[in-house]
Amino acid sequence: MDEKSYRKGHKYIILVYYVNRNDVEYIAYDRKKESLDEYYRTLTGEDLSNITAVSIDMWDPFMSSTMEYVPDAQSKIVFDLFHVMKHVNESVDTTRKQVNKELQKSGMTDL
């Protein structure tokens, strides 16, 4: 699942894709937990149990809704690579800046 911006001013839609069939299974015109809850409520208990993986970004409403409805969701959530790498790059950049400041304070200015 993913969200896409469709208008200026942070207007989003939620798209739930069924990857094996290569189609869109659900669309909601916002990106709230309640909208994703509505999708999960359309599925039977058997459907939910048969979910083997859920690819999502790190948007909290996606995570919390999936954790609430999908059995054993913590082992089925797969974060998309774009958002994982975004967090890794932000962490590396923060660490690099911190180390650079510390080295400059200790007199190392040839950085």
PDB file of N, CA and C in Angstrom:
ATOM      1  N   MET A   1       0.840  -1.173   0.000  1.00  0.00           N
ATOM      2  CA  MET A   1       0.000   0.000   0.000  1.00  0.00           C
ATOM      3  C   MET A   1       0.880   1.229   0.000  1.00  0.00           C
ATOM      4  N   ASP A   2       0.317   2.296  -0.487  1.00  0.00           N
ATOM      5  CA  ASP A   2       1.069   3.534  -0.585  1.00  0.00           C
ATOM      6  C   ASP A   2       0.081   4.682  -0.634  1.00  0.00           C
ATOM      7  N   GLU A   3       0.596   5.882  -0.406  1.00  0.00           N
ATOM      8  CA  GLU A   3      -0.236   7.054  -0.593  1.00  0.00           C
ATOM      9  C   GLU A   3       0.364   7.876  -1.715  1.00  0.00           C
ATOM     10  N   LYS A   4      -0.516   8.534  -2.444  1.00  0.00           N
ATOM     11  CA  LYS A   4      -0.096   9.383  -3.558  1.00  0.00           C
ATOM     12  C   LYS A   4      -0.757  10.746  -3.396  1.00  0.00           C
ATOM     13  N   SER A   5       0.012  11.788  -3.680  1.00  0.00           N
ATOM     14  CA  SER A   5      -0.537  13.134  -3.665  1.00  0.00           C
ATOM     15  C   SER A   5      -1.314  13.345  -4.958  1.00  0.00           C
ATOM     16  N   TYR A   6      -2.519  13.883  -4.850  1.00  0.00           N
ATOM     17  CA  TYR A   6      -3.295  14.114  -6.058  1.00  0.00           C
ATOM     18  C   TYR A   6      -3.662  15.569  -6.252  1.00  0.00           C
ATOM     19  N   ARG A   7      -3.282  16.440  -5.311  1.00  0.00           N
ATOM     20  CA  ARG A   7      -3.586  17.850  -5.422  1.00  0.00           C
ATOM     21  C   ARG A   7      -2.667  18.631  -4.503  1.00  0.00           C
ATOM     22  N   LYS A   8      -2.463  19.901  -4.815  1.00  0.00           N
ATOM     23  CA  LYS A   8      -1.657  20.744  -3.931  1.00  0.00           C
ATOM     24  C   LYS A   8      -2.337  20.845  -2.572  1.00  0.00           C
ATOM     25  N   GLY A   9      -1.539  21.112  -1.534  1.00  0.00           N
ATOM     26  CA  GLY A   9      -2.107  21.260  -0.200  1.00  0.00           C
ATOM     27  C   GLY A   9      -2.211  19.960   0.561  1.00  0.00           C
ATOM     28  N   HIS A  10      -1.381  19.007   0.220  1.00  0.00           N
ATOM     29  CA  HIS A  10      -1.330  17.725   0.926  1.00  0.00           C
ATOM     30  C   HIS A  10      -2.645  16.960   0.848  1.00  0.00           C
ATOM     31  N   LYS A  11      -3.166  16.803  -0.338  1.00  0.00           N
ATOM     32  CA  LYS A  11      -4.337  15.960  -0.577  1.00  0.00           C
ATOM     33  C   LYS A  11      -3.814  14.618  -1.077  1.00  0.00           C
ATOM     34  N   TYR A  12      -4.183  13.559  -0.383  1.00  0.00           N
ATOM     35  CA  TYR A  12      -3.635  12.244  -0.689  1.00  0.00           C
ATOM     36  C   TYR A  12      -4.734  11.211  -0.903  1.00  0.00           C
ATOM     37  N   ILE A  13      -4.375  10.166  -1.629  1.00  0.00           N
ATOM     38  CA  ILE A  13      -5.206   8.973  -1.707  1.00  0.00           C
ATOM     39  C   ILE A  13      -4.363   7.796  -1.218  1.00  0.00           C
ATOM     40  N   ILE A  14      -5.029   6.834  -0.620  1.00  0.00           N
ATOM     41  CA  ILE A  14      -4.388   5.573  -0.247  1.00  0.00           C
ATOM     42  C   ILE A  14      -4.694   4.579  -1.362  1.00  0.00           C
ATOM     43  N   LEU A  15      -3.666   3.899  -1.797  1.00  0.00           N
ATOM     44  CA  LEU A  15      -3.834   2.851  -2.797  1.00  0.00           C
ATOM     45  C   LEU A  15      -3.357   1.530  -2.205  1.00  0.00           C
ATOM     46  N   VAL A  16      -4.216   0.526  -2.260  1.00  0.00           N
ATOM     47  CA  VAL A  16      -3.824  -0.816  -1.840  1.00  0.00           C
ATOM     48  C   VAL A  16      -3.741  -1.655  -3.102  1.00  0.00           C
ATOM     49  N   TYR A  17      -2.531  -2.142  -3.367  1.00  0.00           N
ATOM     50  CA  TYR A  17      -2.280  -2.950  -4.561  1.00  0.00           C
ATOM     51  C   TYR A  17      -2.259  -4.427  -4.178  1.00  0.00           C
ATOM     52  N   TYR A  18      -2.751  -5.244  -5.065  1.00  0.00           N
ATOM     53  CA  TYR A  18      -2.586  -6.681  -4.930  1.00  0.00           C
ATOM     54  C   TYR A  18      -1.512  -7.062  -5.939  1.00  0.00           C
ATOM     55  N   VAL A  19      -0.293  -7.247  -5.458  1.00  0.00           N
ATOM     56  CA  VAL A  19       0.870  -7.386  -6.325  1.00  0.00           C
ATOM     57  C   VAL A  19       0.774  -8.602  -7.234  1.00  0.00           C
ATOM     58  N   ASN A  20       0.319  -9.725  -6.723  1.00  0.00           N
ATOM     59  CA  ASN A  20       0.268 -10.940  -7.543  1.00  0.00           C
ATOM     60  C   ASN A  20      -0.703 -10.833  -8.714  1.00  0.00           C
ATOM     61  N   ARG A  21      -1.713  -9.986  -8.564  1.00  0.00           N
ATOM     62  CA  ARG A  21      -2.673  -9.797  -9.668  1.00  0.00           C
ATOM     63  C   ARG A  21      -2.396  -8.508 -10.432  1.00  0.00           C
ATOM     64  N   ASN A  22      -1.452  -7.715  -9.939  1.00  0.00           N
ATOM     65  CA  ASN A  22      -1.076  -6.469 -10.594  1.00  0.00           C
ATOM     66  C   ASN A  22      -2.281  -5.541 -10.769  1.00  0.00           C
ATOM     67  N   ASP A  23      -3.066  -5.371  -9.689  1.00  0.00           N
ATOM     68  CA  ASP A  23      -4.189  -4.446  -9.768  1.00  0.00           C
ATOM     69  C   ASP A  23      -4.365  -3.692  -8.454  1.00  0.00           C
ATOM     70  N   VAL A  24      -5.159  -2.642  -8.528  1.00  0.00           N
ATOM     71  CA  VAL A  24      -5.483  -1.840  -7.345  1.00  0.00           C
ATOM     72  C   VAL A  24      -6.729  -2.436  -6.716  1.00  0.00           C
ATOM     73  N   GLU A  25      -6.631  -2.745  -5.432  1.00  0.00           N
ATOM     74  CA  GLU A  25      -7.737  -3.396  -4.731  1.00  0.00           C
ATOM     75  C   GLU A  25      -8.596  -2.414  -3.939  1.00  0.00           C
ATOM     76  N   TYR A  26      -8.016  -1.273  -3.558  1.00  0.00           N
ATOM     77  CA  TYR A  26      -8.738  -0.339  -2.685  1.00  0.00           C
ATOM     78  C   TYR A  26      -8.165   1.055  -2.862  1.00  0.00           C
ATOM     79  N   ILE A  27      -9.061   2.062  -2.830  1.00  0.00           N
ATOM     80  CA  ILE A  27      -8.658   3.470  -2.885  1.00  0.00           C
ATOM     81  C   ILE A  27      -9.441   4.230  -1.822  1.00  0.00           C
ATOM     82  N   ALA A  28      -8.757   5.103  -1.086  1.00  0.00           N
ATOM     83  CA  ALA A  28      -9.423   5.990  -0.130  1.00  0.00           C
ATOM     84  C   ALA A  28      -8.873   7.398  -0.331  1.00  0.00           C
ATOM     85  N   TYR A  29      -9.731   8.403  -0.198  1.00  0.00           N
ATOM     86  CA  TYR A  29      -9.334   9.782  -0.470  1.00  0.00           C
ATOM     87  C   TYR A  29      -8.877  10.529   0.777  1.00  0.00           C
ATOM     88  N   ASP A  30      -7.963   9.959   1.480  1.00  0.00           N
ATOM     89  CA  ASP A  30      -7.236  10.591   2.578  1.00  0.00           C
ATOM     90  C   ASP A  30      -6.163   9.597   2.984  1.00  0.00           C
ATOM     91  N   ARG A  31      -5.457   9.851   4.031  1.00  0.00           N
ATOM     92  CA  ARG A  31      -4.472   8.854   4.480  1.00  0.00           C
ATOM     93  C   ARG A  31      -4.550   8.686   5.983  1.00  0.00           C
ATOM     94  N   LYS A  32      -5.756   8.374   6.429  1.00  0.00           N
ATOM     95  CA  LYS A  32      -6.017   8.186   7.848  1.00  0.00           C
ATOM     96  C   LYS A  32      -6.099   6.700   8.179  1.00  0.00           C
ATOM     97  N   LYS A  33      -5.840   6.400   9.447  1.00  0.00           N
ATOM     98  CA  LYS A  33      -5.939   5.025   9.918  1.00  0.00           C
ATOM     99  C   LYS A  33      -7.333   4.463   9.660  1.00  0.00           C
ATOM    100  N   GLU A  34      -8.344   5.277   9.894  1.00  0.00           N
ATOM    101  CA  GLU A  34      -9.723   4.817   9.736  1.00  0.00           C
ATOM    102  C   GLU A  34     -10.011   4.356   8.302  1.00  0.00           C
ATOM    103  N   SER A  35      -9.387   5.011   7.340  1.00  0.00           N
ATOM    104  CA  SER A  35      -9.606   4.613   5.942  1.00  0.00           C
ATOM    105  C   SER A  35      -9.010   3.252   5.655  1.00  0.00           C
ATOM    106  N   LEU A  36      -7.841   2.992   6.200  1.00  0.00           N
ATOM    107  CA  LEU A  36      -7.229   1.680   6.004  1.00  0.00           C
ATOM    108  C   LEU A  36      -7.963   0.627   6.838  1.00  0.00           C
ATOM    109  N   ASP A  37      -8.431   1.005   8.029  1.00  0.00           N
ATOM    110  CA  ASP A  37      -9.259   0.094   8.827  1.00  0.00           C
ATOM    111  C   ASP A  37     -10.470  -0.355   8.015  1.00  0.00           C
ATOM    112  N   GLU A  38     -11.079   0.584   7.295  1.00  0.00           N
ATOM    113  CA  GLU A  38     -12.257   0.281   6.478  1.00  0.00           C
ATOM    114  C   GLU A  38     -11.930  -0.794   5.440  1.00  0.00           C
ATOM    115  N   TYR A  39     -10.755  -0.691   4.832  1.00  0.00           N
ATOM    116  CA  TYR A  39     -10.331  -1.715   3.868  1.00  0.00           C
ATOM    117  C   TYR A  39     -10.195  -3.073   4.554  1.00  0.00           C
ATOM    118  N   TYR A  40      -9.454  -3.101   5.666  1.00  0.00           N
ATOM    119  CA  TYR A  40      -9.230  -4.380   6.351  1.00  0.00           C
ATOM    120  C   TYR A  40     -10.541  -5.010   6.808  1.00  0.00           C
ATOM    121  N   ARG A  41     -11.545  -4.200   7.162  1.00  0.00           N
ATOM    122  CA  ARG A  41     -12.836  -4.741   7.596  1.00  0.00           C
ATOM    123  C   ARG A  41     -13.610  -5.393   6.455  1.00  0.00           C
ATOM    124  N   THR A  42     -13.226  -5.115   5.198  1.00  0.00           N
ATOM    125  CA  THR A  42     -13.900  -5.783   4.069  1.00  0.00           C
ATOM    126  C   THR A  42     -13.383  -7.207   3.870  1.00  0.00           C
ATOM    127  N   LEU A  43     -12.277  -7.534   4.527  1.00  0.00           N
ATOM    128  CA  LEU A  43     -11.674  -8.858   4.367  1.00  0.00           C
ATOM    129  C   LEU A  43     -12.180  -9.809   5.442  1.00  0.00           C
ATOM    130  N   THR A  44     -12.284 -11.070   5.097  1.00  0.00           N
ATOM    131  CA  THR A  44     -12.690 -12.076   6.065  1.00  0.00           C
ATOM    132  C   THR A  44     -11.496 -12.419   6.962  1.00  0.00           C
ATOM    133  N   GLY A  45     -11.761 -13.106   8.041  1.00  0.00           N
ATOM    134  CA  GLY A  45     -10.684 -13.581   8.908  1.00  0.00           C
ATOM    135  C   GLY A  45      -9.714 -14.472   8.159  1.00  0.00           C
ATOM    136  N   GLU A  46     -10.244 -15.292   7.257  1.00  0.00           N
ATOM    137  CA  GLU A  46      -9.386 -16.163   6.449  1.00  0.00           C
ATOM    138  C   GLU A  46      -8.515 -15.337   5.503  1.00  0.00           C
ATOM    139  N   ASP A  47      -9.120 -14.306   4.872  1.00  0.00           N
ATOM    140  CA  ASP A  47      -8.343 -13.423   3.990  1.00  0.00           C
ATOM    141  C   ASP A  47      -7.187 -12.784   4.753  1.00  0.00           C
ATOM    142  N   LEU A  48      -7.489 -12.274   5.946  1.00  0.00           N
ATOM    143  CA  LEU A  48      -6.461 -11.614   6.754  1.00  0.00           C
ATOM    144  C   LEU A  48      -5.371 -12.593   7.167  1.00  0.00           C
ATOM    145  N   SER A  49      -5.753 -13.800   7.508  1.00  0.00           N
ATOM    146  CA  SER A  49      -4.769 -14.819   7.896  1.00  0.00           C
ATOM    147  C   SER A  49      -3.893 -15.251   6.730  1.00  0.00           C
ATOM    148  N   ASN A  50      -4.435 -15.163   5.516  1.00  0.00           N
ATOM    149  CA  ASN A  50      -3.683 -15.568   4.333  1.00  0.00           C
ATOM    150  C   ASN A  50      -2.709 -14.506   3.830  1.00  0.00           C
ATOM    151  N   ILE A  51      -2.744 -13.332   4.415  1.00  0.00           N
ATOM    152  CA  ILE A  51      -1.785 -12.291   4.015  1.00  0.00           C
ATOM    153  C   ILE A  51      -0.401 -12.737   4.468  1.00  0.00           C
ATOM    154  N   THR A  52       0.532 -12.778   3.538  1.00  0.00           N
ATOM    155  CA  THR A  52       1.892 -13.225   3.867  1.00  0.00           C
ATOM    156  C   THR A  52       2.867 -12.066   4.001  1.00  0.00           C
ATOM    157  N   ALA A  53       2.571 -10.922   3.367  1.00  0.00           N
ATOM    158  CA  ALA A  53       3.449  -9.757   3.461  1.00  0.00           C
ATOM    159  C   ALA A  53       2.650  -8.509   3.121  1.00  0.00           C
ATOM    160  N   VAL A  54       2.999  -7.420   3.805  1.00  0.00           N
ATOM    161  CA  VAL A  54       2.381  -6.121   3.541  1.00  0.00           C
ATOM    162  C   VAL A  54       3.509  -5.122   3.358  1.00  0.00           C
ATOM    163  N   SER A  55       3.619  -4.577   2.156  1.00  0.00           N
ATOM    164  CA  SER A  55       4.644  -3.578   1.872  1.00  0.00           C
ATOM    165  C   SER A  55       4.056  -2.200   2.135  1.00  0.00           C
ATOM    166  N   ILE A  56       4.652  -1.481   3.084  1.00  0.00           N
ATOM    167  CA  ILE A  56       4.162  -0.152   3.437  1.00  0.00           C
ATOM    168  C   ILE A  56       5.341   0.781   3.661  1.00  0.00           C
ATOM    169  N   ASP A  57       5.034   2.092   3.628  1.00  0.00           N
ATOM    170  CA  ASP A  57       6.056   3.029   4.060  1.00  0.00           C
ATOM    171  C   ASP A  57       5.948   3.137   5.577  1.00  0.00           C
ATOM    172  N   MET A  58       6.650   4.025   6.175  1.00  0.00           N
ATOM    173  CA  MET A  58       6.700   4.096   7.638  1.00  0.00           C
ATOM    174  C   MET A  58       5.672   5.063   8.208  1.00  0.00           C
ATOM    175  N   TRP A  59       4.588   5.283   7.496  1.00  0.00           N
ATOM    176  CA  TRP A  59       3.505   6.149   7.938  1.00  0.00           C
ATOM    177  C   TRP A  59       2.753   5.445   9.062  1.00  0.00           C
ATOM    178  N   ASP A  60       2.706   6.073  10.231  1.00  0.00           N
ATOM    179  CA  ASP A  60       2.146   5.433  11.424  1.00  0.00           C
ATOM    180  C   ASP A  60       0.730   4.886  11.230  1.00  0.00           C
ATOM    181  N   PRO A  61      -0.190   5.614  10.589  1.00  0.00           N
ATOM    182  CA  PRO A  61      -1.523   5.033  10.401  1.00  0.00           C
ATOM    183  C   PRO A  61      -1.508   3.710   9.630  1.00  0.00           C
ATOM    184  N   PHE A  62      -0.608   3.571   8.655  1.00  0.00           N
ATOM    185  CA  PHE A  62      -0.505   2.301   7.939  1.00  0.00           C
ATOM    186  C   PHE A  62      -0.030   1.195   8.872  1.00  0.00           C
ATOM    187  N   MET A  63       0.989   1.504   9.661  1.00  0.00           N
ATOM    188  CA  MET A  63       1.539   0.494  10.572  1.00  0.00           C
ATOM    189  C   MET A  63       0.513   0.093  11.622  1.00  0.00           C
ATOM    190  N   SER A  64      -0.135   1.082  12.258  1.00  0.00           N
ATOM    191  CA  SER A  64      -1.054   0.745  13.351  1.00  0.00           C
ATOM    192  C   SER A  64      -2.288   0.005  12.853  1.00  0.00           C
ATOM    193  N   SER A  65      -2.817   0.372  11.705  1.00  0.00           N
ATOM    194  CA  SER A  65      -3.969  -0.347  11.164  1.00  0.00           C
ATOM    195  C   SER A  65      -3.590  -1.781  10.800  1.00  0.00           C
ATOM    196  N   THR A  66      -2.447  -1.945  10.161  1.00  0.00           N
ATOM    197  CA  THR A  66      -1.993  -3.282   9.782  1.00  0.00           C
ATOM    198  C   THR A  66      -1.745  -4.136  11.015  1.00  0.00           C
ATOM    199  N   MET A  67      -1.134  -3.564  12.040  1.00  0.00           N
ATOM    200  CA  MET A  67      -0.882  -4.299  13.284  1.00  0.00           C
ATOM    201  C   MET A  67      -2.198  -4.725  13.947  1.00  0.00           C
ATOM    202  N   GLU A  68      -3.215  -3.896  13.828  1.00  0.00           N
ATOM    203  CA  GLU A  68      -4.503  -4.197  14.453  1.00  0.00           C
ATOM    204  C   GLU A  68      -5.258  -5.326  13.736  1.00  0.00           C
ATOM    205  N   TYR A  69      -5.176  -5.377  12.425  1.00  0.00           N
ATOM    206  CA  TYR A  69      -6.029  -6.296  11.666  1.00  0.00           C
ATOM    207  C   TYR A  69      -5.336  -7.548  11.140  1.00  0.00           C
ATOM    208  N   VAL A  70      -4.064  -7.469  10.806  1.00  0.00           N
ATOM    209  CA  VAL A  70      -3.394  -8.600  10.176  1.00  0.00           C
ATOM    210  C   VAL A  70      -2.745  -9.469  11.247  1.00  0.00           C
ATOM    211  N   PRO A  71      -3.135 -10.740  11.358  1.00  0.00           N
ATOM    212  CA  PRO A  71      -2.517 -11.623  12.347  1.00  0.00           C
ATOM    213  C   PRO A  71      -1.003 -11.727  12.121  1.00  0.00           C
ATOM    214  N   ASP A  72      -0.250 -11.626  13.207  1.00  0.00           N
ATOM    215  CA  ASP A  72       1.207 -11.734  13.165  1.00  0.00           C
ATOM    216  C   ASP A  72       1.836 -10.683  12.239  1.00  0.00           C
ATOM    217  N   ALA A  73       1.232  -9.486  12.229  1.00  0.00           N
ATOM    218  CA  ALA A  73       1.657  -8.424  11.313  1.00  0.00           C
ATOM    219  C   ALA A  73       3.114  -8.022  11.497  1.00  0.00           C
ATOM    220  N   GLN A  74       3.622  -8.079  12.730  1.00  0.00           N
ATOM    221  CA  GLN A  74       5.009  -7.655  12.964  1.00  0.00           C
ATOM    222  C   GLN A  74       6.003  -8.460  12.134  1.00  0.00           C
ATOM    223  N   SER A  75       5.653  -9.679  11.765  1.00  0.00           N
ATOM    224  CA  SER A  75       6.560 -10.482  10.934  1.00  0.00           C
ATOM    225  C   SER A  75       6.203 -10.399   9.452  1.00  0.00           C
ATOM    226  N   LYS A  76       5.136  -9.664   9.113  1.00  0.00           N
ATOM    227  CA  LYS A  76       4.689  -9.586   7.725  1.00  0.00           C
ATOM    228  C   LYS A  76       4.886  -8.204   7.101  1.00  0.00           C
ATOM    229  N   ILE A  77       5.155  -7.198   7.918  1.00  0.00           N
ATOM    230  CA  ILE A  77       5.344  -5.849   7.388  1.00  0.00           C
ATOM    231  C   ILE A  77       6.724  -5.740   6.752  1.00  0.00           C
ATOM    232  N   VAL A  78       6.734  -5.242   5.533  1.00  0.00           N
ATOM    233  CA  VAL A  78       7.972  -5.002   4.799  1.00  0.00           C
ATOM    234  C   VAL A  78       7.984  -3.518   4.446  1.00  0.00           C
ATOM    235  N   PHE A  79       8.966  -2.789   4.979  1.00  0.00           N
ATOM    236  CA  PHE A  79       9.038  -1.360   4.692  1.00  0.00           C
ATOM    237  C   PHE A  79       9.654  -1.141   3.323  1.00  0.00           C
ATOM    238  N   ASP A  80       9.092  -0.181   2.589  1.00  0.00           N
ATOM    239  CA  ASP A  80       9.612   0.045   1.241  1.00  0.00           C
ATOM    240  C   ASP A  80      11.010   0.657   1.303  1.00  0.00           C
ATOM    241  N   LEU A  81      11.816   0.296   0.332  1.00  0.00           N
ATOM    242  CA  LEU A  81      13.232   0.648   0.301  1.00  0.00           C
ATOM    243  C   LEU A  81      13.454   2.153   0.301  1.00  0.00           C
ATOM    244  N   PHE A  82      12.625   2.909  -0.392  1.00  0.00           N
ATOM    245  CA  PHE A  82      12.801   4.361  -0.437  1.00  0.00           C
ATOM    246  C   PHE A  82      12.824   4.956   0.961  1.00  0.00           C
ATOM    247  N   HIS A  83      11.845   4.589   1.790  1.00  0.00           N
ATOM    248  CA  HIS A  83      11.760   5.166   3.129  1.00  0.00           C
ATOM    249  C   HIS A  83      12.843   4.626   4.061  1.00  0.00           C
ATOM    250  N   VAL A  84      13.210   3.377   3.904  1.00  0.00           N
ATOM    251  CA  VAL A  84      14.307   2.822   4.704  1.00  0.00           C
ATOM    252  C   VAL A  84      15.584   3.597   4.413  1.00  0.00           C
ATOM    253  N   MET A  85      15.893   3.778   3.136  1.00  0.00           N
ATOM    254  CA  MET A  85      17.116   4.482   2.762  1.00  0.00           C
ATOM    255  C   MET A  85      17.068   5.955   3.153  1.00  0.00           C
ATOM    256  N   LYS A  86      15.911   6.557   3.123  1.00  0.00           N
ATOM    257  CA  LYS A  86      15.765   7.950   3.564  1.00  0.00           C
ATOM    258  C   LYS A  86      16.180   8.069   5.029  1.00  0.00           C
ATOM    259  N   HIS A  87      15.718   7.170   5.858  1.00  0.00           N
ATOM    260  CA  HIS A  87      16.071   7.199   7.285  1.00  0.00           C
ATOM    261  C   HIS A  87      17.554   6.887   7.495  1.00  0.00           C
ATOM    262  N   VAL A  88      18.088   5.954   6.742  1.00  0.00           N
ATOM    263  CA  VAL A  88      19.509   5.632   6.852  1.00  0.00           C
ATOM    264  C   VAL A  88      20.342   6.855   6.482  1.00  0.00           C
ATOM    265  N   ASN A  89      20.014   7.490   5.369  1.00  0.00           N
ATOM    266  CA  ASN A  89      20.768   8.669   4.930  1.00  0.00           C
ATOM    267  C   ASN A  89      20.664   9.823   5.927  1.00  0.00           C
ATOM    268  N   GLU A  90      19.486  10.034   6.508  1.00  0.00           N
ATOM    269  CA  GLU A  90      19.330  11.082   7.519  1.00  0.00           C
ATOM    270  C   GLU A  90      20.187  10.772   8.748  1.00  0.00           C
ATOM    271  N   SER A  91      20.230   9.516   9.159  1.00  0.00           N
ATOM    272  CA  SER A  91      21.033   9.122  10.318  1.00  0.00           C
ATOM    273  C   SER A  91      22.520   9.293  10.049  1.00  0.00           C
ATOM    274  N   VAL A  92      22.958   8.884   8.868  1.00  0.00           N
ATOM    275  CA  VAL A  92      24.371   9.043   8.508  1.00  0.00           C
ATOM    276  C   VAL A  92      24.729  10.525   8.473  1.00  0.00           C
ATOM    277  N   ASP A  93      23.875  11.353   7.907  1.00  0.00           N
ATOM    278  CA  ASP A  93      24.141  12.783   7.820  1.00  0.00           C
ATOM    279  C   ASP A  93      24.195  13.425   9.206  1.00  0.00           C
ATOM    280  N   THR A  94      23.289  13.061  10.091  1.00  0.00           N
ATOM    281  CA  THR A  94      23.291  13.584  11.462  1.00  0.00           C
ATOM    282  C   THR A  94      24.571  13.190  12.184  1.00  0.00           C
ATOM    283  N   THR A  95      24.961  11.937  12.056  1.00  0.00           N
ATOM    284  CA  THR A  95      26.197  11.456  12.687  1.00  0.00           C
ATOM    285  C   THR A  95      27.414  12.164  12.116  1.00  0.00           C
ATOM    286  N   ARG A  96      27.462  12.324  10.800  1.00  0.00           N
ATOM    287  CA  ARG A  96      28.585  13.007  10.148  1.00  0.00           C
ATOM    288  C   ARG A  96      28.724  14.436  10.659  1.00  0.00           C
ATOM    289  N   LYS A  97      27.612  15.147  10.778  1.00  0.00           N
ATOM    290  CA  LYS A  97      27.645  16.527  11.271  1.00  0.00           C
ATOM    291  C   LYS A  97      28.129  16.576  12.722  1.00  0.00           C
ATOM    292  N   GLN A  98      27.653  15.652  13.537  1.00  0.00           N
ATOM    293  CA  GLN A  98      28.041  15.606  14.950  1.00  0.00           C
ATOM    294  C   GLN A  98      29.537  15.316  15.082  1.00  0.00           C
ATOM    295  N   VAL A  99      30.035  14.346  14.355  1.00  0.00           N
ATOM    296  CA  VAL A  99      31.461  14.003  14.409  1.00  0.00           C
ATOM    297  C   VAL A  99      32.300  15.169  13.903  1.00  0.00           C
ATOM    298  N   ASN A 100      31.862  15.827  12.836  1.00  0.00           N
ATOM    299  CA  ASN A 100      32.591  16.968  12.290  1.00  0.00           C
ATOM    300  C   ASN A 100      32.707  18.086  13.331  1.00  0.00           C
ATOM    301  N   LYS A 101      31.629  18.389  14.052  1.00  0.00           N
ATOM    302  CA  LYS A 101      31.665  19.417  15.098  1.00  0.00           C
ATOM    303  C   LYS A 101      32.638  19.040  16.212  1.00  0.00           C
ATOM    304  N   GLU A 102      32.595  17.780  16.621  1.00  0.00           N
ATOM    305  CA  GLU A 102      33.484  17.324  17.686  1.00  0.00           C
ATOM    306  C   GLU A 102      34.952  17.407  17.261  1.00  0.00           C
ATOM    307  N   LEU A 103      35.235  17.044  16.034  1.00  0.00           N
ATOM    308  CA  LEU A 103      36.612  17.120  15.537  1.00  0.00           C
ATOM    309  C   LEU A 103      37.078  18.574  15.443  1.00  0.00           C
ATOM    310  N   GLN A 104      36.204  19.456  15.014  1.00  0.00           N
ATOM    311  CA  GLN A 104      36.584  20.867  14.954  1.00  0.00           C
ATOM    312  C   GLN A 104      36.834  21.438  16.350  1.00  0.00           C
ATOM    313  N   LYS A 105      36.045  21.045  17.329  1.00  0.00           N
ATOM    314  CA  LYS A 105      36.245  21.503  18.711  1.00  0.00           C
ATOM    315  C   LYS A 105      37.585  21.013  19.254  1.00  0.00           C
ATOM    316  N   SER A 106      38.022  19.859  18.815  1.00  0.00           N
ATOM    317  CA  SER A 106      39.304  19.316  19.304  1.00  0.00           C
ATOM    318  C   SER A 106      40.494  19.858  18.521  1.00  0.00           C
ATOM    319  N   GLY A 107      40.239  20.782  17.591  1.00  0.00           N
ATOM    320  CA  GLY A 107      41.331  21.428  16.871  1.00  0.00           C
ATOM    321  C   GLY A 107      41.608  20.897  15.494  1.00  0.00           C
ATOM    322  N   MET A 108      40.881  19.906  15.079  1.00  0.00           N
ATOM    323  CA  MET A 108      41.083  19.354  13.720  1.00  0.00           C
ATOM    324  C   MET A 108      40.235  20.170  12.735  1.00  0.00           C
ATOM    325  N   THR A 109      40.896  21.048  11.999  1.00  0.00           N
ATOM    326  CA  THR A 109      40.159  21.927  11.094  1.00  0.00           C
ATOM    327  C   THR A 109      40.396  21.598   9.628  1.00  0.00           C
ATOM    328  N   ASP A 110      41.174  20.583   9.353  1.00  0.00           N
ATOM    329  CA  ASP A 110      41.481  20.206   7.959  1.00  0.00           C
ATOM    330  C   ASP A 110      40.463  19.202   7.425  1.00  0.00           C
ATOM    331  N   LEU A 111      39.219  19.423   7.679  1.00  0.00           N
ATOM    332  CA  LEU A 111      38.195  18.452   7.289  1.00  0.00           C
ATOM    333  C   LEU A 111      37.583  18.764   5.960  1.00  0.00           C
TER     334      LEU A 111
END
